[in-house]
Amino acid sequence: MKLKKGDNVKIISGKDRSKTGKITHVFLKENRIVVEGVNIHKKHSRPKKQGQKGQIIQMPMPIHVSNAMIVCKNCGKAVRTGMKKIENKKFRVCKKCGGEL
């Protein structure tokens, strides 16, 4: 998977198309990511104690990696990524501008 926690991504398909956000969690085995502010679902919680009210909690749910593209820091556009090896270190590279991600 070419996306990591902390990357800024743009959603390219689904109900949240064209939204951008930061990756907060990565599920490697399922090929899914959680992006803040994207794919928000409402969860109803029961009251824990007597006299307390129930709540509706909004929480982001995972989306598939194929529905997101990384946003280049230099270009500011959603881009594909490539790998570059310099002195036994691998770097992710923007395919449009060639800048480091």
PDB file of N, CA and C in Angstrom:
ATOM      1  N   MET A   1       0.843  -1.173   0.000  1.00  0.00           N
ATOM      2  CA  MET A   1       0.000   0.000   0.000  1.00  0.00           C
ATOM      3  C   MET A   1       0.893   1.242   0.000  1.00  0.00           C
ATOM      4  N   LYS A   2       0.558   2.218  -0.835  1.00  0.00           N
ATOM      5  CA  LYS A   2       1.403   3.394  -0.999  1.00  0.00           C
ATOM      6  C   LYS A   2       0.991   4.562  -0.112  1.00  0.00           C
ATOM      7  N   LEU A   3      -0.103   4.410   0.628  1.00  0.00           N
ATOM      8  CA  LEU A   3      -0.563   5.475   1.513  1.00  0.00           C
ATOM      9  C   LEU A   3      -0.180   5.160   2.950  1.00  0.00           C
ATOM     10  N   LYS A   4       0.174   6.201   3.705  1.00  0.00           N
ATOM     11  CA  LYS A   4       0.597   6.036   5.094  1.00  0.00           C
ATOM     12  C   LYS A   4      -0.229   6.946   5.991  1.00  0.00           C
ATOM     13  N   LYS A   5      -0.170   6.673   7.285  1.00  0.00           N
ATOM     14  CA  LYS A   5      -0.833   7.508   8.267  1.00  0.00           C
ATOM     15  C   LYS A   5      -0.216   8.906   8.235  1.00  0.00           C
ATOM     16  N   GLY A   6      -1.063   9.918   8.214  1.00  0.00           N
ATOM     17  CA  GLY A   6      -0.587  11.294   8.191  1.00  0.00           C
ATOM     18  C   GLY A   6      -0.562  11.913   6.803  1.00  0.00           C
ATOM     19  N   ASP A   7      -0.757  11.129   5.747  1.00  0.00           N
ATOM     20  CA  ASP A   7      -0.786  11.658   4.379  1.00  0.00           C
ATOM     21  C   ASP A   7      -2.081  12.426   4.134  1.00  0.00           C
ATOM     22  N   ASN A   8      -1.990  13.472   3.319  1.00  0.00           N
ATOM     23  CA  ASN A   8      -3.185  14.168   2.860  1.00  0.00           C
ATOM     24  C   ASN A   8      -3.654  13.498   1.591  1.00  0.00           C
ATOM     25  N   VAL A   9      -4.947  13.143   1.551  1.00  0.00           N
ATOM     26  CA  VAL A   9      -5.490  12.447   0.396  1.00  0.00           C
ATOM     27  C   VAL A   9      -6.739  13.155  -0.107  1.00  0.00           C
ATOM     28  N   LYS A  10      -7.055  12.909  -1.377  1.00  0.00           N
ATOM     29  CA  LYS A  10      -8.272  13.412  -1.999  1.00  0.00           C
ATOM     30  C   LYS A  10      -9.109  12.209  -2.378  1.00  0.00           C
ATOM     31  N   ILE A  11     -10.398  12.249  -2.070  1.00  0.00           N
ATOM     32  CA  ILE A  11     -11.303  11.160  -2.388  1.00  0.00           C
ATOM     33  C   ILE A  11     -11.743  11.318  -3.837  1.00  0.00           C
ATOM     34  N   ILE A  12     -11.612  10.248  -4.633  1.00  0.00           N
ATOM     35  CA  ILE A  12     -11.884  10.341  -6.068  1.00  0.00           C
ATOM     36  C   ILE A  12     -13.179   9.665  -6.474  1.00  0.00           C
ATOM     37  N   SER A  13     -13.822   8.915  -5.566  1.00  0.00           N
ATOM     38  CA  SER A  13     -15.098   8.304  -5.916  1.00  0.00           C
ATOM     39  C   SER A  13     -15.936   8.099  -4.670  1.00  0.00           C
ATOM     40  N   GLY A  14     -17.237   7.943  -4.861  1.00  0.00           N
ATOM     41  CA  GLY A  14     -18.150   7.728  -3.748  1.00  0.00           C
ATOM     42  C   GLY A  14     -18.897   8.994  -3.378  1.00  0.00           C
ATOM     43  N   LYS A  15     -19.629   8.928  -2.263  1.00  0.00           N
ATOM     44  CA  LYS A  15     -20.468  10.057  -1.875  1.00  0.00           C
ATOM     45  C   LYS A  15     -19.660  11.267  -1.410  1.00  0.00           C
ATOM     46  N   ASP A  16     -18.409  11.058  -1.003  1.00  0.00           N
ATOM     47  CA  ASP A  16     -17.565  12.148  -0.530  1.00  0.00           C
ATOM     48  C   ASP A  16     -16.534  12.563  -1.572  1.00  0.00           C
ATOM     49  N   ARG A  17     -16.854  12.388  -2.849  1.00  0.00           N
ATOM     50  CA  ARG A  17     -15.935  12.709  -3.935  1.00  0.00           C
ATOM     51  C   ARG A  17     -15.465  14.154  -3.839  1.00  0.00           C
ATOM     52  N   SER A  18     -14.211  14.395  -4.096  1.00  0.00           N
ATOM     53  CA  SER A  18     -13.519  15.686  -4.119  1.00  0.00           C
ATOM     54  C   SER A  18     -13.250  16.271  -2.737  1.00  0.00           C
ATOM     55  N   LYS A  19     -13.528  15.544  -1.667  1.00  0.00           N
ATOM     56  CA  LYS A  19     -13.149  16.000  -0.327  1.00  0.00           C
ATOM     57  C   LYS A  19     -11.694  15.613  -0.067  1.00  0.00           C
ATOM     58  N   THR A  20     -11.026  16.408   0.754  1.00  0.00           N
ATOM     59  CA  THR A  20      -9.658  16.085   1.130  1.00  0.00           C
ATOM     60  C   THR A  20      -9.570  15.966   2.644  1.00  0.00           C
ATOM     61  N   GLY A  21      -8.590  15.220   3.110  1.00  0.00           N
ATOM     62  CA  GLY A  21      -8.394  15.049   4.542  1.00  0.00           C
ATOM     63  C   GLY A  21      -7.128  14.284   4.827  1.00  0.00           C
ATOM     64  N   LYS A  22      -6.829  14.153   6.112  1.00  0.00           N
ATOM     65  CA  LYS A  22      -5.620  13.472   6.560  1.00  0.00           C
ATOM     66  C   LYS A  22      -5.970  12.056   6.987  1.00  0.00           C
ATOM     67  N   ILE A  23      -5.111  11.108   6.657  1.00  0.00           N
ATOM     68  CA  ILE A  23      -5.317   9.711   7.043  1.00  0.00           C
ATOM     69  C   ILE A  23      -5.033   9.579   8.533  1.00  0.00           C
ATOM     70  N   THR A  24      -6.005   9.016   9.272  1.00  0.00           N
ATOM     71  CA  THR A  24      -5.826   8.835  10.710  1.00  0.00           C
ATOM     72  C   THR A  24      -5.525   7.399  11.085  1.00  0.00           C
ATOM     73  N   HIS A  25      -5.952   6.444  10.256  1.00  0.00           N
ATOM     74  CA  HIS A  25      -5.730   5.042  10.569  1.00  0.00           C
ATOM     75  C   HIS A  25      -5.623   4.247   9.276  1.00  0.00           C
ATOM     76  N   VAL A  26      -4.746   3.234   9.263  1.00  0.00           N
ATOM     77  CA  VAL A  26      -4.545   2.383   8.087  1.00  0.00           C
ATOM     78  C   VAL A  26      -4.763   0.937   8.493  1.00  0.00           C
ATOM     79  N   PHE A  27      -5.613   0.221   7.727  1.00  0.00           N
ATOM     80  CA  PHE A  27      -5.829  -1.212   7.919  1.00  0.00           C
ATOM     81  C   PHE A  27      -5.171  -1.927   6.748  1.00  0.00           C
ATOM     82  N   LEU A  28      -3.970  -2.465   6.958  1.00  0.00           N
ATOM     83  CA  LEU A  28      -3.190  -3.051   5.864  1.00  0.00           C
ATOM     84  C   LEU A  28      -3.832  -4.302   5.282  1.00  0.00           C
ATOM     85  N   LYS A  29      -4.336  -5.205   6.132  1.00  0.00           N
ATOM     86  CA  LYS A  29      -4.882  -6.467   5.639  1.00  0.00           C
ATOM     87  C   LYS A  29      -6.149  -6.275   4.820  1.00  0.00           C
ATOM     88  N   GLU A  30      -6.963  -5.279   5.184  1.00  0.00           N
ATOM     89  CA  GLU A  30      -8.222  -5.042   4.466  1.00  0.00           C
ATOM     90  C   GLU A  30      -8.082  -4.023   3.344  1.00  0.00           C
ATOM     91  N   ASN A  31      -6.891  -3.408   3.189  1.00  0.00           N
ATOM     92  CA  ASN A  31      -6.661  -2.343   2.207  1.00  0.00           C
ATOM     93  C   ASN A  31      -7.643  -1.190   2.380  1.00  0.00           C
ATOM     94  N   ARG A  32      -7.828  -0.761   3.615  1.00  0.00           N
ATOM     95  CA  ARG A  32      -8.758   0.322   3.919  1.00  0.00           C
ATOM     96  C   ARG A  32      -8.049   1.389   4.750  1.00  0.00           C
ATOM     97  N   ILE A  33      -8.551   2.627   4.626  1.00  0.00           N
ATOM     98  CA  ILE A  33      -8.014   3.740   5.394  1.00  0.00           C
ATOM     99  C   ILE A  33      -9.163   4.525   6.015  1.00  0.00           C
ATOM    100  N   VAL A  34      -8.860   5.229   7.111  1.00  0.00           N
ATOM    101  CA  VAL A  34      -9.821   6.135   7.736  1.00  0.00           C
ATOM    102  C   VAL A  34      -9.294   7.545   7.520  1.00  0.00           C
ATOM    103  N   VAL A  35     -10.129   8.391   6.903  1.00  0.00           N
ATOM    104  CA  VAL A  35      -9.756   9.769   6.611  1.00  0.00           C
ATOM    105  C   VAL A  35     -10.662  10.679   7.431  1.00  0.00           C
ATOM    106  N   GLU A  36     -10.066  11.657   8.115  1.00  0.00           N
ATOM    107  CA  GLU A  36     -10.875  12.532   8.960  1.00  0.00           C
ATOM    108  C   GLU A  36     -11.802  13.404   8.110  1.00  0.00           C
ATOM    109  N   GLY A  37     -13.070  13.457   8.509  1.00  0.00           N
ATOM    110  CA  GLY A  37     -14.063  14.259   7.807  1.00  0.00           C
ATOM    111  C   GLY A  37     -14.671  13.590   6.594  1.00  0.00           C
ATOM    112  N   VAL A  38     -14.353  12.331   6.356  1.00  0.00           N
ATOM    113  CA  VAL A  38     -14.849  11.614   5.178  1.00  0.00           C
ATOM    114  C   VAL A  38     -15.556  10.342   5.626  1.00  0.00           C
ATOM    115  N   ASN A  39     -16.658   9.990   4.970  1.00  0.00           N
ATOM    116  CA  ASN A  39     -17.436   8.785   5.247  1.00  0.00           C
ATOM    117  C   ASN A  39     -17.906   8.759   6.706  1.00  0.00           C
ATOM    118  N   ILE A  40     -18.541   9.853   7.115  1.00  0.00           N
ATOM    119  CA  ILE A  40     -19.019   9.998   8.491  1.00  0.00           C
ATOM    120  C   ILE A  40     -20.326   9.231   8.664  1.00  0.00           C
ATOM    121  N   HIS A  41     -20.383   8.388   9.699  1.00  0.00           N
ATOM    122  CA  HIS A  41     -21.594   7.641  10.041  1.00  0.00           C
ATOM    123  C   HIS A  41     -22.022   8.029  11.443  1.00  0.00           C
ATOM    124  N   LYS A  42     -23.328   7.926  11.689  1.00  0.00           N
ATOM    125  CA  LYS A  42     -23.867   8.247  13.002  1.00  0.00           C
ATOM    126  C   LYS A  42     -24.076   6.962  13.788  1.00  0.00           C
ATOM    127  N   LYS A  43     -23.580   6.955  15.018  1.00  0.00           N
ATOM    128  CA  LYS A  43     -23.727   5.797  15.893  1.00  0.00           C
ATOM    129  C   LYS A  43     -24.556   6.227  17.101  1.00  0.00           C
ATOM    130  N   HIS A  44     -25.609   5.487  17.381  1.00  0.00           N
ATOM    131  CA  HIS A  44     -26.478   5.792  18.511  1.00  0.00           C
ATOM    132  C   HIS A  44     -25.979   5.021  19.724  1.00  0.00           C
ATOM    133  N   SER A  45     -25.747   5.739  20.829  1.00  0.00           N
ATOM    134  CA  SER A  45     -25.272   5.079  22.040  1.00  0.00           C
ATOM    135  C   SER A  45     -26.341   5.199  23.122  1.00  0.00           C
ATOM    136  N   ARG A  46     -26.484   4.138  23.895  1.00  0.00           N
ATOM    137  CA  ARG A  46     -27.456   4.121  24.986  1.00  0.00           C
ATOM    138  C   ARG A  46     -26.890   4.872  26.183  1.00  0.00           C
ATOM    139  N   PRO A  47     -27.770   5.326  27.075  1.00  0.00           N
ATOM    140  CA  PRO A  47     -27.267   5.962  28.298  1.00  0.00           C
ATOM    141  C   PRO A  47     -26.539   4.950  29.176  1.00  0.00           C
ATOM    142  N   LYS A  48     -25.414   5.353  29.730  1.00  0.00           N
ATOM    143  CA  LYS A  48     -24.612   4.463  30.576  1.00  0.00           C
ATOM    144  C   LYS A  48     -25.157   4.404  32.008  1.00  0.00           C
ATOM    145  N   LYS A  49     -25.571   5.557  32.539  1.00  0.00           N
ATOM    146  CA  LYS A  49     -26.057   5.631  33.916  1.00  0.00           C
ATOM    147  C   LYS A  49     -27.517   6.067  33.909  1.00  0.00           C
ATOM    148  N   GLN A  50     -28.166   5.858  35.012  1.00  0.00           N
ATOM    149  CA  GLN A  50     -29.564   6.262  35.126  1.00  0.00           C
ATOM    150  C   GLN A  50     -29.633   7.794  35.181  1.00  0.00           C
ATOM    151  N   GLY A  51     -30.564   8.357  34.420  1.00  0.00           N
ATOM    152  CA  GLY A  51     -30.706   9.804  34.363  1.00  0.00           C
ATOM    153  C   GLY A  51     -29.879  10.445  33.259  1.00  0.00           C
ATOM    154  N   GLN A  52     -28.972   9.700  32.664  1.00  0.00           N
ATOM    155  CA  GLN A  52     -28.143  10.210  31.577  1.00  0.00           C
ATOM    156  C   GLN A  52     -28.887  10.005  30.260  1.00  0.00           C
ATOM    157  N   LYS A  53     -28.673  10.899  29.296  1.00  0.00           N
ATOM    158  CA  LYS A  53     -29.335  10.788  28.006  1.00  0.00           C
ATOM    159  C   LYS A  53     -28.462   9.997  27.027  1.00  0.00           C
ATOM    160  N   GLY A  54     -29.127   9.398  26.063  1.00  0.00           N
ATOM    161  CA  GLY A  54     -28.393   8.737  24.990  1.00  0.00           C
ATOM    162  C   GLY A  54     -27.807   9.774  24.049  1.00  0.00           C
ATOM    163  N   GLN A  55     -26.871   9.356  23.213  1.00  0.00           N
ATOM    164  CA  GLN A  55     -26.184  10.290  22.328  1.00  0.00           C
ATOM    165  C   GLN A  55     -26.135   9.754  20.907  1.00  0.00           C
ATOM    166  N   ILE A  56     -25.929  10.659  19.979  1.00  0.00           N
ATOM    167  CA  ILE A  56     -25.636  10.291  18.600  1.00  0.00           C
ATOM    168  C   ILE A  56     -24.204  10.729  18.344  1.00  0.00           C
ATOM    169  N   ILE A  57     -23.333   9.772  18.125  1.00  0.00           N
ATOM    170  CA  ILE A  57     -21.911  10.044  17.928  1.00  0.00           C
ATOM    171  C   ILE A  57     -21.595   9.929  16.442  1.00  0.00           C
ATOM    172  N   GLN A  58     -20.924  10.939  15.895  1.00  0.00           N
ATOM    173  CA  GLN A  58     -20.501  10.889  14.495  1.00  0.00           C
ATOM    174  C   GLN A  58     -19.067  10.389  14.449  1.00  0.00           C
ATOM    175  N   MET A  59     -18.857   9.327  13.678  1.00  0.00           N
ATOM    176  CA  MET A  59     -17.516   8.752  13.597  1.00  0.00           C
ATOM    177  C   MET A  59     -17.170   8.414  12.146  1.00  0.00           C
ATOM    178  N   PRO A  60     -15.902   8.659  11.741  1.00  0.00           N
ATOM    179  CA  PRO A  60     -15.495   8.303  10.379  1.00  0.00           C
ATOM    180  C   PRO A  60     -15.303   6.795  10.251  1.00  0.00           C
ATOM    181  N   MET A  61     -15.772   6.242   9.143  1.00  0.00           N
ATOM    182  CA  MET A  61     -15.649   4.819   8.872  1.00  0.00           C
ATOM    183  C   MET A  61     -14.596   4.608   7.770  1.00  0.00           C
ATOM    184  N   PRO A  62     -14.022   3.405   7.680  1.00  0.00           N
ATOM    185  CA  PRO A  62     -12.982   3.150   6.677  1.00  0.00           C
ATOM    186  C   PRO A  62     -13.520   3.146   5.247  1.00  0.00           C
ATOM    187  N   ILE A  63     -12.663   3.565   4.321  1.00  0.00           N
ATOM    188  CA  ILE A  63     -12.954   3.480   2.891  1.00  0.00           C
ATOM    189  C   ILE A  63     -11.826   2.696   2.235  1.00  0.00           C
ATOM    190  N   HIS A  64     -12.073   2.197   1.035  1.00  0.00           N
ATOM    191  CA  HIS A  64     -11.058   1.424   0.325  1.00  0.00           C
ATOM    192  C   HIS A  64      -9.973   2.352  -0.208  1.00  0.00           C
ATOM    193  N   VAL A  65      -8.759   1.857  -0.247  1.00  0.00           N
ATOM    194  CA  VAL A  65      -7.604   2.645  -0.676  1.00  0.00           C
ATOM    195  C   VAL A  65      -7.749   3.117  -2.116  1.00  0.00           C
ATOM    196  N   SER A  66      -8.406   2.334  -2.956  1.00  0.00           N
ATOM    197  CA  SER A  66      -8.530   2.687  -4.368  1.00  0.00           C
ATOM    198  C   SER A  66      -9.402   3.919  -4.590  1.00  0.00           C
ATOM    199  N   ASN A  67     -10.155   4.339  -3.568  1.00  0.00           N
ATOM    200  CA  ASN A  67     -11.015   5.516  -3.688  1.00  0.00           C
ATOM    201  C   ASN A  67     -10.314   6.800  -3.270  1.00  0.00           C
ATOM    202  N   ALA A  68      -9.019   6.729  -2.954  1.00  0.00           N
ATOM    203  CA  ALA A  68      -8.277   7.905  -2.508  1.00  0.00           C
ATOM    204  C   ALA A  68      -6.963   8.029  -3.268  1.00  0.00           C
ATOM    205  N   MET A  69      -6.551   9.290  -3.512  1.00  0.00           N
ATOM    206  CA  MET A  69      -5.252   9.575  -4.127  1.00  0.00           C
ATOM    207  C   MET A  69      -4.500  10.554  -3.243  1.00  0.00           C
ATOM    208  N   ILE A  70      -3.201  10.363  -3.150  1.00  0.00           N
ATOM    209  CA  ILE A  70      -2.380  11.237  -2.322  1.00  0.00           C
ATOM    210  C   ILE A  70      -2.264  12.612  -2.980  1.00  0.00           C
ATOM    211  N   VAL A  71      -2.225  13.662  -2.151  1.00  0.00           N
ATOM    212  CA  VAL A  71      -2.083  15.037  -2.637  1.00  0.00           C
ATOM    213  C   VAL A  71      -0.620  15.431  -2.498  1.00  0.00           C
ATOM    214  N   CYS A  72      -0.027  15.859  -3.608  1.00  0.00           N
ATOM    215  CA  CYS A  72       1.394  16.251  -3.623  1.00  0.00           C
ATOM    216  C   CYS A  72       1.574  17.566  -2.874  1.00  0.00           C
ATOM    217  N   LYS A  73       2.648  17.667  -2.099  1.00  0.00           N
ATOM    218  CA  LYS A  73       2.935  18.897  -1.353  1.00  0.00           C
ATOM    219  C   LYS A  73       3.362  20.026  -2.293  1.00  0.00           C
ATOM    220  N   ASN A  74       4.065  19.677  -3.362  1.00  0.00           N
ATOM    221  CA  ASN A  74       4.563  20.688  -4.296  1.00  0.00           C
ATOM    222  C   ASN A  74       3.497  21.132  -5.286  1.00  0.00           C
ATOM    223  N   CYS A  75       2.831  20.170  -5.937  1.00  0.00           N
ATOM    224  CA  CYS A  75       1.826  20.470  -6.965  1.00  0.00           C
ATOM    225  C   CYS A  75       0.514  20.954  -6.353  1.00  0.00           C
ATOM    226  N   GLY A  76       0.118  20.325  -5.242  1.00  0.00           N
ATOM    227  CA  GLY A  76      -1.192  20.596  -4.657  1.00  0.00           C
ATOM    228  C   GLY A  76      -2.296  19.828  -5.359  1.00  0.00           C
ATOM    229  N   LYS A  77      -1.929  18.838  -6.179  1.00  0.00           N
ATOM    230  CA  LYS A  77      -2.907  18.047  -6.931  1.00  0.00           C
ATOM    231  C   LYS A  77      -2.874  16.597  -6.471  1.00  0.00           C
ATOM    232  N   ALA A  78      -3.959  15.884  -6.756  1.00  0.00           N
ATOM    233  CA  ALA A  78      -3.997  14.447  -6.490  1.00  0.00           C
ATOM    234  C   ALA A  78      -3.144  13.755  -7.546  1.00  0.00           C
ATOM    235  N   VAL A  79      -2.183  12.942  -7.114  1.00  0.00           N
ATOM    236  CA  VAL A  79      -1.222  12.354  -8.048  1.00  0.00           C
ATOM    237  C   VAL A  79      -1.010  10.873  -7.759  1.00  0.00           C
ATOM    238  N   ARG A  80      -0.461  10.196  -8.768  1.00  0.00           N
ATOM    239  CA  ARG A  80       0.022   8.833  -8.568  1.00  0.00           C
ATOM    240  C   ARG A  80       1.433   8.914  -8.015  1.00  0.00           C
ATOM    241  N   THR A  81       1.861   7.838  -7.371  1.00  0.00           N
ATOM    242  CA  THR A  81       3.181   7.854  -6.746  1.00  0.00           C
ATOM    243  C   THR A  81       4.097   6.827  -7.382  1.00  0.00           C
ATOM    244  N   GLY A  82       5.383   7.122  -7.317  1.00  0.00           N
ATOM    245  CA  GLY A  82       6.408   6.201  -7.761  1.00  0.00           C
ATOM    246  C   GLY A  82       7.451   6.078  -6.671  1.00  0.00           C
ATOM    247  N   MET A  83       8.377   5.170  -6.845  1.00  0.00           N
ATOM    248  CA  MET A  83       9.434   4.973  -5.861  1.00  0.00           C
ATOM    249  C   MET A  83      10.779   5.337  -6.483  1.00  0.00           C
ATOM    250  N   LYS A  84      11.635   5.939  -5.667  1.00  0.00           N
ATOM    251  CA  LYS A  84      12.976   6.301  -6.103  1.00  0.00           C
ATOM    252  C   LYS A  84      13.945   5.841  -5.026  1.00  0.00           C
ATOM    253  N   LYS A  85      15.054   5.259  -5.447  1.00  0.00           N
ATOM    254  CA  LYS A  85      16.033   4.742  -4.498  1.00  0.00           C
ATOM    255  C   LYS A  85      17.311   5.573  -4.600  1.00  0.00           C
ATOM    256  N   ILE A  86      17.687   6.185  -3.464  1.00  0.00           N
ATOM    257  CA  ILE A  86      18.918   6.972  -3.400  1.00  0.00           C
ATOM    258  C   ILE A  86      19.713   6.510  -2.179  1.00  0.00           C
ATOM    259  N   GLU A  87      20.899   5.994  -2.412  1.00  0.00           N
ATOM    260  CA  GLU A  87      21.799   5.523  -1.351  1.00  0.00           C
ATOM    261  C   GLU A  87      21.091   4.575  -0.379  1.00  0.00           C
ATOM    262  N   ASN A  88      20.517   3.515  -0.906  1.00  0.00           N
ATOM    263  CA  ASN A  88      19.842   2.471  -0.127  1.00  0.00           C
ATOM    264  C   ASN A  88      18.649   2.987   0.689  1.00  0.00           C
ATOM    265  N   LYS A  89      18.066   4.123   0.314  1.00  0.00           N
ATOM    266  CA  LYS A  89      16.851   4.634   0.950  1.00  0.00           C
ATOM    267  C   LYS A  89      15.790   4.811  -0.118  1.00  0.00           C
ATOM    268  N   LYS A  90      14.575   4.358   0.182  1.00  0.00           N
ATOM    269  CA  LYS A  90      13.478   4.484  -0.765  1.00  0.00           C
ATOM    270  C   LYS A  90      12.657   5.728  -0.436  1.00  0.00           C
ATOM    271  N   PHE A  91      12.251   6.449  -1.469  1.00  0.00           N
ATOM    272  CA  PHE A  91      11.421   7.632  -1.326  1.00  0.00           C
ATOM    273  C   PHE A  91      10.211   7.521  -2.238  1.00  0.00           C
ATOM    274  N   ARG A  92       9.090   8.030  -1.778  1.00  0.00           N
ATOM    275  CA  ARG A  92       7.919   8.133  -2.644  1.00  0.00           C
ATOM    276  C   ARG A  92       8.045   9.421  -3.447  1.00  0.00           C
ATOM    277  N   VAL A  93       7.729   9.336  -4.736  1.00  0.00           N
ATOM    278  CA  VAL A  93       7.928  10.456  -5.644  1.00  0.00           C
ATOM    279  C   VAL A  93       6.633  10.741  -6.384  1.00  0.00           C
ATOM    280  N   CYS A  94       6.337  12.034  -6.588  1.00  0.00           N
ATOM    281  CA  CYS A  94       5.178  12.467  -7.369  1.00  0.00           C
ATOM    282  C   CYS A  94       5.440  12.181  -8.847  1.00  0.00           C
ATOM    283  N   LYS A  95       4.467  11.573  -9.532  1.00  0.00           N
ATOM    284  CA  LYS A  95       4.631  11.242 -10.948  1.00  0.00           C
ATOM    285  C   LYS A  95       4.501  12.478 -11.839  1.00  0.00           C
ATOM    286  N   LYS A  96       3.841  13.555 -11.359  1.00  0.00           N
ATOM    287  CA  LYS A  96       3.667  14.761 -12.189  1.00  0.00           C
ATOM    288  C   LYS A  96       4.881  15.677 -12.129  1.00  0.00           C
ATOM    289  N   CYS A  97       5.311  16.028 -10.909  1.00  0.00           N
ATOM    290  CA  CYS A  97       6.385  17.012 -10.782  1.00  0.00           C
ATOM    291  C   CYS A  97       7.725  16.394 -10.416  1.00  0.00           C
ATOM    292  N   GLY A  98       7.731  15.150  -9.954  1.00  0.00           N
ATOM    293  CA  GLY A  98       8.978  14.489  -9.570  1.00  0.00           C
ATOM    294  C   GLY A  98       9.438  14.846  -8.175  1.00  0.00           C
ATOM    295  N   GLY A  99       8.638  15.611  -7.443  1.00  0.00           N
ATOM    296  CA  GLY A  99       8.996  15.997  -6.085  1.00  0.00           C
ATOM    297  C   GLY A  99       8.795  14.862  -5.091  1.00  0.00           C
ATOM    298  N   GLU A 100       9.475  14.985  -3.961  1.00  0.00           N
ATOM    299  CA  GLU A 100       9.394  13.977  -2.922  1.00  0.00           C
ATOM    300  C   GLU A 100       8.098  14.130  -2.124  1.00  0.00           C
ATOM    301  N   LEU A 101       7.512  12.983  -1.759  1.00  0.00           N
ATOM    302  CA  LEU A 101       6.288  13.047  -0.960  1.00  0.00           C
ATOM    303  C   LEU A 101       6.650  12.826   0.458  1.00  0.00           C
TER     304      LEU A 101
END
